[in-house]
Amino acid sequence: MNRNEFLKPVEVQHEYGLKVRMLSYFRECSMDEGVLRGPNFLKDGEVVLYKREWIENYIHSKQPFAPVQTKQSEQKHTKTATVHKFQK
């Protein structure tokens, strides 16, 4: 088992942007309702760990749509912005 495979909630927030409080709320609801809310987790006493794969699967499942390759996205747009500087 790779040590970097499991993350603490603070590390999940730092790497994936899921807030520690939100993860805590999901765990609490999961235990109260008996239905998993949020990513899978391991809890042993006070220690809570998330497997990287579980976090990534959760994030992927919550995306409303996946990026689609289209003809327009294949074309490279070389437009540049014009910045105007105004004198005072």
N, C-alpha and C. Protein backbone atom coordinates (compact mmCIF):
# COMPACT_ATOMS: atom_id res chain seq x y z
N MET A 1 0.85 -1.18 0.00
CA MET A 1 0.00 0.00 0.00
C MET A 1 0.89 1.25 0.00
N ASN A 2 0.67 2.10 -0.94
CA ASN A 2 1.43 3.34 -1.08
C ASN A 2 0.90 4.37 -0.09
N ARG A 3 1.79 5.01 0.64
CA ARG A 3 1.37 6.01 1.64
C ARG A 3 0.66 7.19 0.99
N ASN A 4 1.05 7.57 -0.22
CA ASN A 4 0.43 8.69 -0.92
C ASN A 4 -0.92 8.34 -1.52
N GLU A 5 -1.29 7.07 -1.44
CA GLU A 5 -2.56 6.62 -2.00
C GLU A 5 -3.74 7.14 -1.17
N PHE A 6 -3.54 7.31 0.15
CA PHE A 6 -4.58 7.78 1.04
C PHE A 6 -4.30 9.21 1.48
N LEU A 7 -5.37 10.01 1.57
CA LEU A 7 -5.25 11.42 1.92
C LEU A 7 -6.12 11.75 3.12
N LYS A 8 -5.64 12.66 3.94
CA LYS A 8 -6.44 13.21 5.03
C LYS A 8 -7.36 14.28 4.42
N PRO A 9 -8.45 14.63 5.12
CA PRO A 9 -9.36 15.65 4.57
C PRO A 9 -8.68 16.97 4.19
N VAL A 10 -7.71 17.40 4.98
CA VAL A 10 -6.99 18.65 4.66
C VAL A 10 -6.23 18.50 3.34
N GLU A 11 -5.65 17.33 3.11
CA GLU A 11 -4.92 17.09 1.86
C GLU A 11 -5.88 17.02 0.67
N VAL A 12 -7.08 16.46 0.90
CA VAL A 12 -8.10 16.42 -0.17
C VAL A 12 -8.48 17.85 -0.54
N GLN A 13 -8.67 18.71 0.45
CA GLN A 13 -9.01 20.10 0.18
C GLN A 13 -7.91 20.79 -0.61
N HIS A 14 -6.68 20.56 -0.21
CA HIS A 14 -5.54 21.21 -0.86
C HIS A 14 -5.40 20.75 -2.32
N GLU A 15 -5.56 19.45 -2.57
CA GLU A 15 -5.33 18.91 -3.90
C GLU A 15 -6.54 18.98 -4.83
N TYR A 16 -7.74 18.83 -4.27
CA TYR A 16 -8.93 18.72 -5.11
C TYR A 16 -9.95 19.83 -4.89
N GLY A 17 -9.78 20.64 -3.86
CA GLY A 17 -10.68 21.76 -3.63
C GLY A 17 -11.97 21.41 -2.91
N LEU A 18 -12.12 20.18 -2.42
CA LEU A 18 -13.31 19.81 -1.65
C LEU A 18 -13.07 20.24 -0.20
N LYS A 19 -13.90 21.11 0.31
CA LYS A 19 -13.72 21.68 1.64
C LYS A 19 -13.80 20.62 2.73
N VAL A 20 -12.98 20.80 3.76
CA VAL A 20 -12.94 19.88 4.89
C VAL A 20 -14.31 19.79 5.56
N ARG A 21 -14.97 20.92 5.74
CA ARG A 21 -16.28 20.94 6.38
C ARG A 21 -17.32 20.19 5.54
N MET A 22 -17.25 20.33 4.22
CA MET A 22 -18.18 19.64 3.35
C MET A 22 -17.98 18.12 3.44
N LEU A 23 -16.72 17.69 3.46
CA LEU A 23 -16.42 16.26 3.60
C LEU A 23 -16.94 15.74 4.94
N SER A 24 -16.79 16.54 5.98
CA SER A 24 -17.28 16.16 7.30
C SER A 24 -18.80 16.03 7.29
N TYR A 25 -19.47 16.97 6.65
CA TYR A 25 -20.93 16.93 6.54
C TYR A 25 -21.38 15.68 5.78
N PHE A 26 -20.71 15.37 4.68
CA PHE A 26 -21.04 14.17 3.91
C PHE A 26 -20.88 12.91 4.76
N ARG A 27 -19.81 12.82 5.54
CA ARG A 27 -19.59 11.65 6.41
C ARG A 27 -20.70 11.54 7.45
N GLU A 28 -21.03 12.67 8.06
CA GLU A 28 -22.07 12.69 9.09
C GLU A 28 -23.42 12.23 8.52
N CYS A 29 -23.79 12.77 7.36
CA CYS A 29 -25.05 12.38 6.72
C CYS A 29 -25.03 10.91 6.31
N SER A 30 -23.90 10.44 5.82
CA SER A 30 -23.79 9.04 5.41
C SER A 30 -24.02 8.11 6.59
N MET A 31 -23.46 8.45 7.73
CA MET A 31 -23.60 7.59 8.92
C MET A 31 -25.02 7.68 9.48
N ASP A 32 -25.63 8.89 9.44
CA ASP A 32 -26.99 9.06 9.96
C ASP A 32 -28.02 8.38 9.08
N GLU A 33 -27.88 8.53 7.76
CA GLU A 33 -28.89 8.04 6.82
C GLU A 33 -28.63 6.61 6.35
N GLY A 34 -27.41 6.15 6.50
CA GLY A 34 -27.07 4.81 6.02
C GLY A 34 -26.89 4.74 4.52
N VAL A 35 -26.81 5.90 3.86
CA VAL A 35 -26.61 6.00 2.42
C VAL A 35 -25.38 6.86 2.20
N LEU A 36 -24.49 6.40 1.34
CA LEU A 36 -23.25 7.15 1.10
C LEU A 36 -23.53 8.48 0.42
N ARG A 37 -23.05 9.54 1.04
CA ARG A 37 -23.06 10.87 0.42
C ARG A 37 -21.61 11.29 0.32
N GLY A 38 -21.23 11.78 -0.83
CA GLY A 38 -19.84 12.17 -1.00
C GLY A 38 -18.97 10.98 -1.35
N PRO A 39 -17.66 11.19 -1.35
CA PRO A 39 -16.74 10.10 -1.70
C PRO A 39 -16.64 9.06 -0.59
N ASN A 40 -16.26 7.84 -0.96
CA ASN A 40 -16.00 6.79 0.03
C ASN A 40 -14.90 7.25 0.98
N PHE A 41 -14.92 6.74 2.20
CA PHE A 41 -13.91 7.11 3.18
C PHE A 41 -13.67 5.95 4.14
N LEU A 42 -12.54 5.99 4.78
CA LEU A 42 -12.22 5.04 5.85
C LEU A 42 -12.16 5.84 7.15
N LYS A 43 -12.74 5.29 8.21
CA LYS A 43 -12.67 5.97 9.50
C LYS A 43 -12.34 4.94 10.57
N ASP A 44 -11.28 5.22 11.30
CA ASP A 44 -10.86 4.37 12.41
C ASP A 44 -10.67 5.28 13.61
N GLY A 45 -11.67 5.34 14.47
CA GLY A 45 -11.60 6.25 15.61
C GLY A 45 -11.71 7.68 15.11
N GLU A 46 -10.67 8.45 15.34
CA GLU A 46 -10.65 9.85 14.91
C GLU A 46 -9.98 10.05 13.55
N VAL A 47 -9.36 9.01 13.02
CA VAL A 47 -8.60 9.13 11.77
C VAL A 47 -9.53 8.87 10.58
N VAL A 48 -9.59 9.84 9.66
CA VAL A 48 -10.40 9.71 8.45
C VAL A 48 -9.46 9.79 7.26
N LEU A 49 -9.59 8.84 6.34
CA LEU A 49 -8.75 8.81 5.14
C LEU A 49 -9.61 8.62 3.90
N TYR A 50 -9.16 9.24 2.82
CA TYR A 50 -9.80 9.10 1.51
C TYR A 50 -8.78 8.54 0.54
N LYS A 51 -9.19 7.56 -0.23
CA LYS A 51 -8.31 7.02 -1.27
C LYS A 51 -8.41 7.95 -2.47
N ARG A 52 -7.27 8.24 -3.07
CA ARG A 52 -7.21 9.13 -4.23
C ARG A 52 -8.22 8.73 -5.32
N GLU A 53 -8.27 7.44 -5.59
CA GLU A 53 -9.16 6.91 -6.62
C GLU A 53 -10.63 7.22 -6.29
N TRP A 54 -11.00 7.13 -5.00
CA TRP A 54 -12.38 7.40 -4.59
C TRP A 54 -12.73 8.86 -4.81
N ILE A 55 -11.80 9.75 -4.50
CA ILE A 55 -12.04 11.19 -4.68
C ILE A 55 -12.22 11.50 -6.17
N GLU A 56 -11.33 10.98 -6.99
CA GLU A 56 -11.40 11.25 -8.43
C GLU A 56 -12.67 10.67 -9.05
N ASN A 57 -13.08 9.47 -8.62
CA ASN A 57 -14.34 8.88 -9.11
C ASN A 57 -15.53 9.73 -8.70
N TYR A 58 -15.53 10.25 -7.46
CA TYR A 58 -16.62 11.09 -6.99
C TYR A 58 -16.70 12.38 -7.81
N ILE A 59 -15.57 13.02 -8.01
CA ILE A 59 -15.55 14.26 -8.78
C ILE A 59 -16.02 14.00 -10.20
N HIS A 60 -15.56 12.93 -10.80
CA HIS A 60 -15.95 12.60 -12.17
C HIS A 60 -17.45 12.33 -12.27
N SER A 61 -18.02 11.66 -11.26
CA SER A 61 -19.45 11.33 -11.30
C SER A 61 -20.33 12.56 -11.12
N LYS A 62 -19.79 13.64 -10.54
CA LYS A 62 -20.58 14.85 -10.29
C LYS A 62 -20.46 15.89 -11.39
N GLN A 63 -19.63 15.66 -12.38
CA GLN A 63 -19.50 16.63 -13.47
C GLN A 63 -20.75 16.56 -14.34
N PRO A 64 -21.36 17.71 -14.64
CA PRO A 64 -22.60 17.70 -15.42
C PRO A 64 -22.41 17.21 -16.85
N PHE A 65 -21.25 17.40 -17.39
CA PHE A 65 -20.97 16.92 -18.74
C PHE A 65 -19.48 16.77 -18.91
N ALA A 66 -19.10 15.94 -19.85
CA ALA A 66 -17.69 15.74 -20.15
C ALA A 66 -17.31 16.62 -21.34
N PRO A 67 -16.09 17.12 -21.40
CA PRO A 67 -15.68 17.92 -22.54
C PRO A 67 -15.76 17.10 -23.83
N VAL A 68 -16.30 17.72 -24.85
CA VAL A 68 -16.47 17.05 -26.14
C VAL A 68 -15.61 17.75 -27.17
N GLN A 69 -14.93 16.97 -27.99
CA GLN A 69 -14.10 17.52 -29.04
C GLN A 69 -14.99 17.87 -30.24
N THR A 70 -14.99 19.12 -30.66
CA THR A 70 -15.77 19.56 -31.82
C THR A 70 -14.84 20.19 -32.83
N LYS A 71 -15.39 20.47 -33.99
CA LYS A 71 -14.58 21.13 -35.03
C LYS A 71 -14.12 22.50 -34.56
N GLN A 72 -15.00 23.22 -33.86
CA GLN A 72 -14.63 24.54 -33.38
C GLN A 72 -13.52 24.48 -32.33
N SER A 73 -13.56 23.48 -31.46
CA SER A 73 -12.53 23.39 -30.44
C SER A 73 -11.20 22.92 -31.03
N GLU A 74 -11.26 22.26 -32.20
CA GLU A 74 -10.03 21.82 -32.85
C GLU A 74 -9.30 22.98 -33.51
N GLN A 75 -10.08 23.99 -33.97
CA GLN A 75 -9.47 25.14 -34.63
C GLN A 75 -8.75 26.00 -33.60
N LYS A 76 -7.60 26.48 -33.99
CA LYS A 76 -6.84 27.35 -33.09
C LYS A 76 -7.22 28.79 -33.39
N HIS A 77 -7.72 29.46 -32.37
CA HIS A 77 -8.08 30.87 -32.52
C HIS A 77 -6.88 31.70 -32.10
N THR A 78 -6.47 32.60 -32.99
CA THR A 78 -5.29 33.41 -32.69
C THR A 78 -5.68 34.85 -32.42
N LYS A 79 -6.89 35.07 -31.97
CA LYS A 79 -7.30 36.43 -31.65
C LYS A 79 -6.58 36.89 -30.40
N THR A 80 -6.19 38.14 -30.41
CA THR A 80 -5.54 38.69 -29.23
C THR A 80 -6.36 39.88 -28.75
N ALA A 81 -6.30 40.12 -27.50
CA ALA A 81 -7.03 41.24 -26.92
C ALA A 81 -6.24 42.52 -27.11
N THR A 82 -6.96 43.59 -27.33
CA THR A 82 -6.34 44.90 -27.46
C THR A 82 -6.52 45.63 -26.14
N VAL A 83 -5.41 46.08 -25.58
CA VAL A 83 -5.45 46.77 -24.30
C VAL A 83 -5.22 48.25 -24.57
N HIS A 84 -6.16 49.05 -24.13
CA HIS A 84 -6.07 50.50 -24.31
C HIS A 84 -5.63 51.12 -23.01
N LYS A 85 -4.64 51.97 -23.10
CA LYS A 85 -4.18 52.68 -21.91
C LYS A 85 -4.68 54.12 -22.00
N PHE A 86 -5.38 54.54 -21.00
CA PHE A 86 -5.91 55.90 -20.98
C PHE A 86 -5.01 56.77 -20.12
N GLN A 87 -4.81 57.99 -20.63
CA GLN A 87 -4.00 58.93 -19.87
C GLN A 87 -4.89 59.70 -18.92
N LYS A 88 -4.32 60.07 -17.78
CA LYS A 88 -5.09 60.84 -16.80
C LYS A 88 -4.89 62.29 -17.01
